[in-house]
C-alpha cells in the first residue's frame, strides 16, 4: 500500500490519568490525518495503520477515530475496569452515555 497522508508526531510524558494514552508511560503520538472528500480507499489504510498500532502497544486518543472495542481497551488500559466502575457509580442511569461510549464501555 502506498498513500500520501500528513503525519503529526508529538511526545508526551507519562501521567496517572486512568484512560490517558500516556497512563504510566512516556508516549509518542503518531496521528495520521485522513483526507475526506478525496477518492482514496481511506478505510483500508486506516485499518492497516490501526492494526500496526495495536500490535506495537498503541493506545487510541479518545478524540480520534478508532475501531477498538471494550475487549481491546481492557488490554490497552490497565485501569480500564477501575474507570468503568467509577463511571457506573457516578452515572448509574447512563445519562452521559452516547452510542460511541456505549460501544466502548459495554
PDB file of N, CA and C in Angstrom:
ATOM      1  N   UNK A   1       0.828  -1.182   0.000  1.00  0.00           N
ATOM      2  CA  UNK A   1       0.000   0.000   0.000  1.00  0.00           C
ATOM      3  C   UNK A   1       0.875   1.249   0.000  1.00  0.00           C
ATOM      4  N   UNK A   2       0.506   2.194  -0.799  1.00  0.00           N
ATOM      5  CA  UNK A   2       1.205   3.474  -0.839  1.00  0.00           C
ATOM      6  C   UNK A   2       0.157   4.570  -0.767  1.00  0.00           C
ATOM      7  N   UNK A   3       0.388   5.527   0.105  1.00  0.00           N
ATOM      8  CA  UNK A   3      -0.537   6.645   0.226  1.00  0.00           C
ATOM      9  C   UNK A   3       0.231   7.855   0.722  1.00  0.00           C
ATOM     10  N   UNK A   4      -0.285   9.021   0.435  1.00  0.00           N
ATOM     11  CA  UNK A   4       0.321  10.254   0.927  1.00  0.00           C
ATOM     12  C   UNK A   4      -0.676  10.903   1.874  1.00  0.00           C
ATOM     13  N   UNK A   5      -0.418  10.772   3.181  1.00  0.00           N
ATOM     14  CA  UNK A   5      -1.257  11.387   4.193  1.00  0.00           C
ATOM     15  C   UNK A   5      -0.354  12.193   5.119  1.00  0.00           C
ATOM     16  N   UNK A   6      -0.780  13.380   5.550  1.00  0.00           N
ATOM     17  CA  UNK A   6       0.009  14.122   6.534  1.00  0.00           C
ATOM     18  C   UNK A   6       0.121  13.323   7.836  1.00  0.00           C
ATOM     19  N   UNK A   7       1.264  13.432   8.485  1.00  0.00           N
ATOM     20  CA  UNK A   7       1.515  12.732   9.742  1.00  0.00           C
ATOM     21  C   UNK A   7       1.923  13.761  10.792  1.00  0.00           C
ATOM     22  N   UNK A   8       1.321  13.654  11.961  1.00  0.00           N
ATOM     23  CA  UNK A   8       1.656  14.518  13.083  1.00  0.00           C
ATOM     24  C   UNK A   8       2.324  13.646  14.141  1.00  0.00           C
ATOM     25  N   UNK A   9       3.477  14.081  14.636  1.00  0.00           N
ATOM     26  CA  UNK A   9       4.188  13.330  15.666  1.00  0.00           C
ATOM     27  C   UNK A   9       4.476  14.272  16.825  1.00  0.00           C
ATOM     28  N   UNK A  10       4.163  13.802  18.039  1.00  0.00           N
ATOM     29  CA  UNK A  10       4.479  14.591  19.228  1.00  0.00           C
ATOM     30  C   UNK A  10       4.746  13.631  20.381  1.00  0.00           C
ATOM     31  N   UNK A  11       5.431  14.129  21.385  1.00  0.00           N
ATOM     32  CA  UNK A  11       5.817  13.328  22.534  1.00  0.00           C
ATOM     33  C   UNK A  11       5.181  13.899  23.789  1.00  0.00           C
ATOM     34  N   UNK A  12       4.888  13.010  24.727  1.00  0.00           N
ATOM     35  CA  UNK A  12       4.260  13.442  25.967  1.00  0.00           C
ATOM     36  C   UNK A  12       4.764  12.579  27.121  1.00  0.00           C
ATOM     37  N   UNK A  13       4.856  13.194  28.294  1.00  0.00           N
ATOM     38  CA  UNK A  13       5.301  12.485  29.493  1.00  0.00           C
ATOM     39  C   UNK A  13       4.188  11.618  30.066  1.00  0.00           C
ATOM     40  N   UNK A  14       4.589  10.654  30.802  1.00  0.00           N
ATOM     41  CA  UNK A  14       3.644   9.759  31.481  1.00  0.00           C
ATOM     42  C   UNK A  14       2.761  10.550  32.440  1.00  0.00           C
ATOM     43  N   UNK A  15       1.596   9.982  32.747  1.00  0.00           N
ATOM     44  CA  UNK A  15       0.698  10.600  33.708  1.00  0.00           C
ATOM     45  C   UNK A  15      -0.014   9.500  34.493  1.00  0.00           C
ATOM     46  N   UNK A  16      -0.904   9.899  35.363  1.00  0.00           N
ATOM     47  CA  UNK A  16      -1.656   8.951  36.188  1.00  0.00           C
ATOM     48  C   UNK A  16      -3.159   9.020  35.905  1.00  0.00           C
ATOM     49  N   UNK A  17      -3.530   9.479  34.729  1.00  0.00           N
ATOM     50  CA  UNK A  17      -4.941   9.599  34.339  1.00  0.00           C
ATOM     51  C   UNK A  17      -5.382   8.250  33.774  1.00  0.00           C
ATOM     52  N   UNK A  18      -6.384   7.635  34.383  1.00  0.00           N
ATOM     53  CA  UNK A  18      -6.737   6.247  34.100  1.00  0.00           C
ATOM     54  C   UNK A  18      -6.896   5.903  32.623  1.00  0.00           C
ATOM     55  N   UNK A  19      -7.538   6.751  31.846  1.00  0.00           N
ATOM     56  CA  UNK A  19      -7.744   6.444  30.428  1.00  0.00           C
ATOM     57  C   UNK A  19      -6.890   7.306  29.504  1.00  0.00           C
ATOM     58  N   UNK A  20      -5.815   7.817  30.006  1.00  0.00           N
ATOM     59  CA  UNK A  20      -4.894   8.592  29.170  1.00  0.00           C
ATOM     60  C   UNK A  20      -4.033   7.648  28.337  1.00  0.00           C
ATOM     61  N   UNK A  21      -3.794   7.985  27.072  1.00  0.00           N
ATOM     62  CA  UNK A  21      -2.836   7.193  26.297  1.00  0.00           C
ATOM     63  C   UNK A  21      -1.447   7.177  26.951  1.00  0.00           C
ATOM     64  N   UNK A  22      -1.169   8.152  27.808  1.00  0.00           N
ATOM     65  CA  UNK A  22       0.132   8.246  28.492  1.00  0.00           C
ATOM     66  C   UNK A  22       0.102   7.663  29.905  1.00  0.00           C
ATOM     67  N   UNK A  23      -0.937   6.923  30.244  1.00  0.00           N
ATOM     68  CA  UNK A  23      -1.051   6.384  31.598  1.00  0.00           C
ATOM     69  C   UNK A  23       0.163   5.522  31.930  1.00  0.00           C
ATOM     70  N   UNK A  24       0.940   6.011  32.888  1.00  0.00           N
ATOM     71  CA  UNK A  24       2.120   5.325  33.428  1.00  0.00           C
ATOM     72  C   UNK A  24       3.197   4.994  32.396  1.00  0.00           C
ATOM     73  N   UNK A  25       3.242   5.756  31.308  1.00  0.00           N
ATOM     74  CA  UNK A  25       4.333   5.572  30.339  1.00  0.00           C
ATOM     75  C   UNK A  25       4.499   6.824  29.487  1.00  0.00           C
ATOM     76  N   UNK A  26       5.753   7.197  29.239  1.00  0.00           N
ATOM     77  CA  UNK A  26       6.017   8.258  28.277  1.00  0.00           C
ATOM     78  C   UNK A  26       5.517   7.759  26.925  1.00  0.00           C
ATOM     79  N   UNK A  27       5.006   8.655  26.113  1.00  0.00           N
ATOM     80  CA  UNK A  27       4.382   8.217  24.858  1.00  0.00           C
ATOM     81  C   UNK A  27       4.749   9.102  23.686  1.00  0.00           C
ATOM     82  N   UNK A  28       4.638   8.507  22.533  1.00  0.00           N
ATOM     83  CA  UNK A  28       4.789   9.212  21.271  1.00  0.00           C
ATOM     84  C   UNK A  28       3.453   9.107  20.546  1.00  0.00           C
ATOM     85  N   UNK A  29       2.869  10.234  20.224  1.00  0.00           N
ATOM     86  CA  UNK A  29       1.629  10.250  19.448  1.00  0.00           C
ATOM     87  C   UNK A  29       1.996  10.286  17.970  1.00  0.00           C
ATOM     88  N   UNK A  30       1.408   9.402  17.208  1.00  0.00           N
ATOM     89  CA  UNK A  30       1.588   9.398  15.759  1.00  0.00           C
ATOM     90  C   UNK A  30       0.188   9.462  15.163  1.00  0.00           C
ATOM     91  N   UNK A  31      -0.181  10.615  14.676  1.00  0.00           N
ATOM     92  CA  UNK A  31      -1.513  10.816  14.108  1.00  0.00           C
ATOM     93  C   UNK A  31      -1.434  10.854  12.592  1.00  0.00           C
ATOM     94  N   UNK A  32      -2.249  10.054  11.972  1.00  0.00           N
ATOM     95  CA  UNK A  32      -2.359  10.045  10.517  1.00  0.00           C
ATOM     96  C   UNK A  32      -3.614  10.842  10.172  1.00  0.00           C
ATOM     97  N   UNK A  33      -3.461  11.856   9.391  1.00  0.00           N
ATOM     98  CA  UNK A  33      -4.593  12.704   9.022  1.00  0.00           C
ATOM     99  C   UNK A  33      -5.165  12.194   7.704  1.00  0.00           C
ATOM    100  N   UNK A  34      -6.379  11.677   7.789  1.00  0.00           N
ATOM    101  CA  UNK A  34      -7.017  11.057   6.627  1.00  0.00           C
ATOM    102  C   UNK A  34      -7.873  12.084   5.897  1.00  0.00           C
ATOM    103  N   UNK A  35      -7.661  12.258   4.605  1.00  0.00           N
ATOM    104  CA  UNK A  35      -8.447  13.253   3.863  1.00  0.00           C
ATOM    105  C   UNK A  35      -9.866  12.763   3.588  1.00  0.00           C
ATOM    106  N   UNK A  36     -10.807  13.663   3.730  1.00  0.00           N
ATOM    107  CA  UNK A  36     -12.185  13.349   3.368  1.00  0.00           C
ATOM    108  C   UNK A  36     -12.498  14.050   2.061  1.00  0.00           C
ATOM    109  N   UNK A  37     -13.388  13.462   1.305  1.00  0.00           N
ATOM    110  CA  UNK A  37     -13.785  14.061   0.046  1.00  0.00           C
ATOM    111  C   UNK A  37     -12.836  13.725  -1.097  1.00  0.00           C
ATOM    112  N   UNK A  38     -11.833  12.927  -0.820  1.00  0.00           N
ATOM    113  CA  UNK A  38     -10.898  12.510  -1.875  1.00  0.00           C
ATOM    114  C   UNK A  38     -11.220  11.061  -2.236  1.00  0.00           C
ATOM    115  N   UNK A  39     -10.902  10.697  -3.447  1.00  0.00           N
ATOM    116  CA  UNK A  39     -11.192   9.345  -3.914  1.00  0.00           C
ATOM    117  C   UNK A  39     -10.007   8.419  -3.593  1.00  0.00           C
ATOM    118  N   UNK A  40      -9.835   8.159  -2.299  1.00  0.00           N
ATOM    119  CA  UNK A  40      -8.792   7.223  -1.855  1.00  0.00           C
ATOM    120  C   UNK A  40      -9.435   6.209  -0.919  1.00  0.00           C
ATOM    121  N   UNK A  41      -8.932   4.992  -0.903  1.00  0.00           N
ATOM    122  CA  UNK A  41      -9.511   3.958  -0.025  1.00  0.00           C
ATOM    123  C   UNK A  41      -9.067   4.162   1.426  1.00  0.00           C
ATOM    124  N   UNK A  42      -9.590   5.212   2.068  1.00  0.00           N
ATOM    125  CA  UNK A  42      -9.174   5.573   3.428  1.00  0.00           C
ATOM    126  C   UNK A  42      -9.293   4.424   4.409  1.00  0.00           C
ATOM    127  N   UNK A  43     -10.393   3.712   4.370  1.00  0.00           N
ATOM    128  CA  UNK A  43     -10.642   2.678   5.362  1.00  0.00           C
ATOM    129  C   UNK A  43      -9.549   1.608   5.332  1.00  0.00           C
ATOM    130  N   UNK A  44      -9.140   1.210   4.152  1.00  0.00           N
ATOM    131  CA  UNK A  44      -8.092   0.192   4.034  1.00  0.00           C
ATOM    132  C   UNK A  44      -6.795   0.658   4.685  1.00  0.00           C
ATOM    133  N   UNK A  45      -6.408   1.895   4.417  1.00  0.00           N
ATOM    134  CA  UNK A  45      -5.189   2.434   5.017  1.00  0.00           C
ATOM    135  C   UNK A  45      -5.345   2.587   6.528  1.00  0.00           C
ATOM    136  N   UNK A  46      -6.487   3.111   6.936  1.00  0.00           N
ATOM    137  CA  UNK A  46      -6.716   3.331   8.354  1.00  0.00           C
ATOM    138  C   UNK A  46      -6.661   2.022   9.138  1.00  0.00           C
ATOM    139  N   UNK A  47      -7.334   0.996   8.661  1.00  0.00           N
ATOM    140  CA  UNK A  47      -7.341  -0.294   9.367  1.00  0.00           C
ATOM    141  C   UNK A  47      -5.948  -0.911   9.433  1.00  0.00           C
ATOM    142  N   UNK A  48      -5.156  -0.756   8.375  1.00  0.00           N
ATOM    143  CA  UNK A  48      -3.779  -1.258   8.388  1.00  0.00           C
ATOM    144  C   UNK A  48      -2.955  -0.504   9.434  1.00  0.00           C
ATOM    145  N   UNK A  49      -3.097   0.808   9.474  1.00  0.00           N
ATOM    146  CA  UNK A  49      -2.388   1.633  10.460  1.00  0.00           C
ATOM    147  C   UNK A  49      -2.806   1.255  11.877  1.00  0.00           C
ATOM    148  N   UNK A  50      -4.113   1.135  12.090  1.00  0.00           N
ATOM    149  CA  UNK A  50      -4.607   0.808  13.422  1.00  0.00           C
ATOM    150  C   UNK A  50      -4.102  -0.561  13.885  1.00  0.00           C
ATOM    151  N   UNK A  51      -4.041  -1.520  12.997  1.00  0.00           N
ATOM    152  CA  UNK A  51      -3.536  -2.849  13.350  1.00  0.00           C
ATOM    153  C   UNK A  51      -2.063  -2.786  13.754  1.00  0.00           C
ATOM    154  N   UNK A  52      -1.275  -2.003  13.053  1.00  0.00           N
ATOM    155  CA  UNK A  52       0.137  -1.826  13.418  1.00  0.00           C
ATOM    156  C   UNK A  52       0.235  -1.209  14.808  1.00  0.00           C
ATOM    157  N   UNK A  53      -0.548  -0.174  15.056  1.00  0.00           N
ATOM    158  CA  UNK A  53      -0.511   0.496  16.365  1.00  0.00           C
ATOM    159  C   UNK A  53      -0.925  -0.453  17.492  1.00  0.00           C
ATOM    160  N   UNK A  54      -1.949  -1.261  17.276  1.00  0.00           N
ATOM    161  CA  UNK A  54      -2.370  -2.235  18.291  1.00  0.00           C
ATOM    162  C   UNK A  54      -1.252  -3.233  18.568  1.00  0.00           C
ATOM    163  N   UNK A  55      -0.645  -3.725  17.524  1.00  0.00           N
ATOM    164  CA  UNK A  55       0.420  -4.731  17.653  1.00  0.00           C
ATOM    165  C   UNK A  55       1.620  -4.177  18.424  1.00  0.00           C
ATOM    166  N   UNK A  56       1.877  -2.884  18.279  1.00  0.00           N
ATOM    167  CA  UNK A  56       3.024  -2.260  18.940  1.00  0.00           C
ATOM    168  C   UNK A  56       2.685  -1.655  20.307  1.00  0.00           C
ATOM    169  N   UNK A  57       1.480  -1.918  20.805  1.00  0.00           N
ATOM    170  CA  UNK A  57       1.102  -1.438  22.130  1.00  0.00           C
ATOM    171  C   UNK A  57       0.508  -0.048  22.155  1.00  0.00           C
ATOM    172  N   UNK A  58       0.073   0.441  20.993  1.00  0.00           N
ATOM    173  CA  UNK A  58      -0.515   1.772  20.931  1.00  0.00           C
ATOM    174  C   UNK A  58      -1.854   1.837  21.652  1.00  0.00           C
ATOM    175  N   UNK A  59      -2.180   3.034  22.075  1.00  0.00           N
ATOM    176  CA  UNK A  59      -3.475   3.304  22.695  1.00  0.00           C
ATOM    177  C   UNK A  59      -4.126   4.437  21.916  1.00  0.00           C
ATOM    178  N   UNK A  60      -5.415   4.315  21.590  1.00  0.00           N
ATOM    179  CA  UNK A  60      -6.052   5.378  20.813  1.00  0.00           C
ATOM    180  C   UNK A  60      -6.266   6.646  21.628  1.00  0.00           C
ATOM    181  N   UNK A  61      -6.217   7.754  20.941  1.00  0.00           N
ATOM    182  CA  UNK A  61      -6.585   9.046  21.532  1.00  0.00           C
ATOM    183  C   UNK A  61      -8.109   9.067  21.551  1.00  0.00           C
ATOM    184  N   UNK A  62      -8.701   9.460  22.660  1.00  0.00           N
ATOM    185  CA  UNK A  62     -10.148   9.391  22.804  1.00  0.00           C
ATOM    186  C   UNK A  62     -10.894  10.338  21.873  1.00  0.00           C
ATOM    187  N   UNK A  63     -10.236  11.360  21.360  1.00  0.00           N
ATOM    188  CA  UNK A  63     -10.912  12.296  20.463  1.00  0.00           C
ATOM    189  C   UNK A  63     -10.663  11.956  18.994  1.00  0.00           C
ATOM    190  N   UNK A  64     -10.015  10.826  18.738  1.00  0.00           N
ATOM    191  CA  UNK A  64      -9.713  10.419  17.365  1.00  0.00           C
ATOM    192  C   UNK A  64     -10.513   9.161  17.019  1.00  0.00           C
ATOM    193  N   UNK A  65     -10.722   8.956  15.746  1.00  0.00           N
ATOM    194  CA  UNK A  65     -11.455   7.774  15.288  1.00  0.00           C
ATOM    195  C   UNK A  65     -10.663   6.506  15.602  1.00  0.00           C
ATOM    196  N   UNK A  66     -11.371   5.476  16.023  1.00  0.00           N
ATOM    197  CA  UNK A  66     -10.759   4.159  16.204  1.00  0.00           C
ATOM    198  C   UNK A  66     -11.865   3.110  16.192  1.00  0.00           C
ATOM    199  N   UNK A  67     -11.479   1.870  16.026  1.00  0.00           N
ATOM    200  CA  UNK A  67     -12.471   0.791  15.991  1.00  0.00           C
ATOM    201  C   UNK A  67     -12.343  -0.132  17.199  1.00  0.00           C
ATOM    202  N   UNK A  68     -11.681   0.331  18.255  1.00  0.00           N
ATOM    203  CA  UNK A  68     -11.447  -0.513  19.421  1.00  0.00           C
ATOM    204  C   UNK A  68     -12.748  -0.817  20.167  1.00  0.00           C
ATOM    205  N   UNK A  69     -12.815  -2.027  20.662  1.00  0.00           N
ATOM    206  CA  UNK A  69     -13.950  -2.471  21.472  1.00  0.00           C
ATOM    207  C   UNK A  69     -13.537  -2.456  22.945  1.00  0.00           C
ATOM    208  N   UNK A  70     -14.489  -2.722  23.816  1.00  0.00           N
ATOM    209  CA  UNK A  70     -14.161  -2.789  25.246  1.00  0.00           C
ATOM    210  C   UNK A  70     -13.067  -3.828  25.490  1.00  0.00           C
ATOM    211  N   UNK A  71     -13.160  -4.958  24.816  1.00  0.00           N
ATOM    212  CA  UNK A  71     -12.154  -6.015  24.977  1.00  0.00           C
ATOM    213  C   UNK A  71     -10.761  -5.501  24.613  1.00  0.00           C
ATOM    214  N   UNK A  72     -10.665  -4.762  23.519  1.00  0.00           N
ATOM    215  CA  UNK A  72      -9.374  -4.166  23.119  1.00  0.00           C
ATOM    216  C   UNK A  72      -8.884  -3.191  24.182  1.00  0.00           C
ATOM    217  N   UNK A  73      -9.783  -2.316  24.629  1.00  0.00           N
ATOM    218  CA  UNK A  73      -9.407  -1.268  25.579  1.00  0.00           C
ATOM    219  C   UNK A  73      -8.997  -1.837  26.930  1.00  0.00           C
ATOM    220  N   UNK A  74      -9.599  -2.937  27.334  1.00  0.00           N
ATOM    221  CA  UNK A  74      -9.203  -3.579  28.588  1.00  0.00           C
ATOM    222  C   UNK A  74      -7.755  -4.072  28.523  1.00  0.00           C
ATOM    223  N   UNK A  75      -7.311  -4.482  27.346  1.00  0.00           N
ATOM    224  CA  UNK A  75      -5.920  -4.919  27.169  1.00  0.00           C
ATOM    225  C   UNK A  75      -4.968  -3.721  27.142  1.00  0.00           C
ATOM    226  N   UNK A  76      -5.416  -2.618  26.582  1.00  0.00           N
ATOM    227  CA  UNK A  76      -4.559  -1.446  26.391  1.00  0.00           C
ATOM    228  C   UNK A  76      -4.409  -0.592  27.643  1.00  0.00           C
ATOM    229  N   UNK A  77      -5.482  -0.481  28.404  1.00  0.00           N
ATOM    230  CA  UNK A  77      -5.510   0.398  29.571  1.00  0.00           C
ATOM    231  C   UNK A  77      -5.606  -0.449  30.839  1.00  0.00           C
ATOM    232  N   UNK A  78      -4.525  -0.553  31.604  1.00  0.00           N
ATOM    233  CA  UNK A  78      -4.513  -1.427  32.778  1.00  0.00           C
ATOM    234  C   UNK A  78      -5.605  -1.125  33.803  1.00  0.00           C
ATOM    235  N   UNK A  79      -6.042   0.124  33.906  1.00  0.00           N
ATOM    236  CA  UNK A  79      -7.055   0.504  34.901  1.00  0.00           C
ATOM    237  C   UNK A  79      -8.432   0.703  34.270  1.00  0.00           C
ATOM    238  N   UNK A  80      -8.654   0.135  33.092  1.00  0.00           N
ATOM    239  CA  UNK A  80      -9.942   0.288  32.417  1.00  0.00           C
ATOM    240  C   UNK A  80     -11.111  -0.193  33.289  1.00  0.00           C
ATOM    241  N   UNK A  81     -11.017  -1.378  33.909  1.00  0.00           N
ATOM    242  CA  UNK A  81     -12.132  -1.813  34.768  1.00  0.00           C
ATOM    243  C   UNK A  81     -12.384  -0.849  35.936  1.00  0.00           C
ATOM    244  N   UNK A  82     -11.336  -0.306  36.508  1.00  0.00           N
ATOM    245  CA  UNK A  82     -11.487   0.660  37.603  1.00  0.00           C
ATOM    246  C   UNK A  82     -12.227   1.904  37.113  1.00  0.00           C
ATOM    247  N   UNK A  83     -11.843   2.409  35.927  1.00  0.00           N
ATOM    248  CA  UNK A  83     -12.533   3.572  35.370  1.00  0.00           C
ATOM    249  C   UNK A  83     -14.006   3.254  35.127  1.00  0.00           C
ATOM    250  N   UNK A  84     -14.293   2.081  34.581  1.00  0.00           N
ATOM    251  CA  UNK A  84     -15.686   1.716  34.305  1.00  0.00           C
ATOM    252  C   UNK A  84     -16.500   1.646  35.592  1.00  0.00           C
ATOM    253  N   UNK A  85     -15.910   1.143  36.656  1.00  0.00           N
ATOM    254  CA  UNK A  85     -16.610   1.084  37.940  1.00  0.00           C
ATOM    255  C   UNK A  85     -16.910   2.492  38.454  1.00  0.00           C
ATOM    256  N   UNK A  86     -15.950   3.391  38.328  1.00  0.00           N
ATOM    257  CA  UNK A  86     -16.166   4.787  38.739  1.00  0.00           C
ATOM    258  C   UNK A  86     -17.251   5.426  37.887  1.00  0.00           C
ATOM    259  N   UNK A  87     -17.185   5.208  36.564  1.00  0.00           N
ATOM    260  CA  UNK A  87     -18.187   5.767  35.661  1.00  0.00           C
ATOM    261  C   UNK A  87     -19.580   5.275  36.023  1.00  0.00           C
ATOM    262  N   UNK A  88     -19.708   3.991  36.284  1.00  0.00           N
ATOM    263  CA  UNK A  88     -21.019   3.423  36.632  1.00  0.00           C
ATOM    264  C   UNK A  88     -21.532   3.979  37.960  1.00  0.00           C
ATOM    265  N   UNK A  89     -20.635   4.196  38.916  1.00  0.00           N
ATOM    266  CA  UNK A  89     -21.045   4.752  40.206  1.00  0.00           C
ATOM    267  C   UNK A  89     -21.521   6.197  40.062  1.00  0.00           C
ATOM    268  N   UNK A  90     -20.805   6.990  39.244  1.00  0.00           N
ATOM    269  CA  UNK A  90     -21.143   8.402  39.082  1.00  0.00           C
ATOM    270  C   UNK A  90     -22.286   8.649  38.097  1.00  0.00           C
ATOM    271  N   UNK A  91     -22.537   7.683  37.207  1.00  0.00           N
ATOM    272  CA  UNK A  91     -23.597   7.842  36.211  1.00  0.00           C
ATOM    273  C   UNK A  91     -24.388   6.528  36.111  1.00  0.00           C
ATOM    274  N   UNK A  92     -25.075   6.138  37.192  1.00  0.00           N
ATOM    275  CA  UNK A  92     -25.739   4.832  37.206  1.00  0.00           C
ATOM    276  C   UNK A  92     -26.852   4.678  36.171  1.00  0.00           C
ATOM    277  N   UNK A  93     -27.454   5.766  35.738  1.00  0.00           N
ATOM    278  CA  UNK A  93     -28.540   5.663  34.754  1.00  0.00           C
ATOM    279  C   UNK A  93     -28.048   5.849  33.317  1.00  0.00           C
ATOM    280  N   UNK A  94     -26.755   6.164  33.152  1.00  0.00           N
ATOM    281  CA  UNK A  94     -26.197   6.316  31.806  1.00  0.00           C
ATOM    282  C   UNK A  94     -26.593   7.587  31.092  1.00  0.00           C
ATOM    283  N   UNK A  95     -26.931   8.622  31.838  1.00  0.00           N
ATOM    284  CA  UNK A  95     -27.375   9.868  31.205  1.00  0.00           C
ATOM    285  C   UNK A  95     -26.281  10.517  30.343  1.00  0.00           C
ATOM    286  N   UNK A  96     -25.013  10.277  30.681  1.00  0.00           N
ATOM    287  CA  UNK A  96     -23.918  10.885  29.923  1.00  0.00           C
ATOM    288  C   UNK A  96     -23.385   9.981  28.811  1.00  0.00           C
ATOM    289  N   UNK A  97     -24.017   8.847  28.591  1.00  0.00           N
ATOM    290  CA  UNK A  97     -23.574   7.935  27.530  1.00  0.00           C
ATOM    291  C   UNK A  97     -24.168   8.337  26.184  1.00  0.00           C
ATOM    292  N   UNK A  98     -23.445   8.007  25.134  1.00  0.00           N
ATOM    293  CA  UNK A  98     -23.953   8.131  23.770  1.00  0.00           C
ATOM    294  C   UNK A  98     -23.607   6.826  23.056  1.00  0.00           C
ATOM    295  N   UNK A  99     -23.924   6.714  21.791  1.00  0.00           N
ATOM    296  CA  UNK A  99     -23.701   5.451  21.070  1.00  0.00           C
ATOM    297  C   UNK A  99     -22.229   5.035  21.094  1.00  0.00           C
ATOM    298  N   UNK A 100     -21.329   5.991  20.929  1.00  0.00           N
ATOM    299  CA  UNK A 100     -19.898   5.689  20.953  1.00  0.00           C
ATOM    300  C   UNK A 100     -19.486   5.147  22.325  1.00  0.00           C
ATOM    301  N   UNK A 101     -19.864   5.836  23.398  1.00  0.00           N
ATOM    302  CA  UNK A 101     -19.475   5.406  24.740  1.00  0.00           C
ATOM    303  C   UNK A 101     -20.107   4.074  25.112  1.00  0.00           C
ATOM    304  N   UNK A 102     -21.312   3.835  24.663  1.00  0.00           N
ATOM    305  CA  UNK A 102     -21.933   2.518  24.911  1.00  0.00           C
ATOM    306  C   UNK A 102     -21.134   1.415  24.232  1.00  0.00           C
ATOM    307  N   UNK A 103     -20.605   1.697  23.040  1.00  0.00           N
ATOM    308  CA  UNK A 103     -19.799   0.699  22.323  1.00  0.00           C
ATOM    309  C   UNK A 103     -18.517   0.374  23.067  1.00  0.00           C
ATOM    310  N   UNK A 104     -17.855   1.378  23.629  1.00  0.00           N
ATOM    311  CA  UNK A 104     -16.561   1.119  24.258  1.00  0.00           C
ATOM    312  C   UNK A 104     -16.654   0.736  25.732  1.00  0.00           C
ATOM    313  N   UNK A 105     -17.759   1.071  26.410  1.00  0.00           N
ATOM    314  CA  UNK A 105     -17.865   0.745  27.829  1.00  0.00           C
ATOM    315  C   UNK A 105     -18.685  -0.498  28.111  1.00  0.00           C
ATOM    316  N   UNK A 106     -19.402  -1.015  27.120  1.00  0.00           N
ATOM    317  CA  UNK A 106     -20.227  -2.210  27.370  1.00  0.00           C
ATOM    318  C   UNK A 106     -19.910  -3.321  26.407  1.00  0.00           C
TER     319      UNK A 106
END
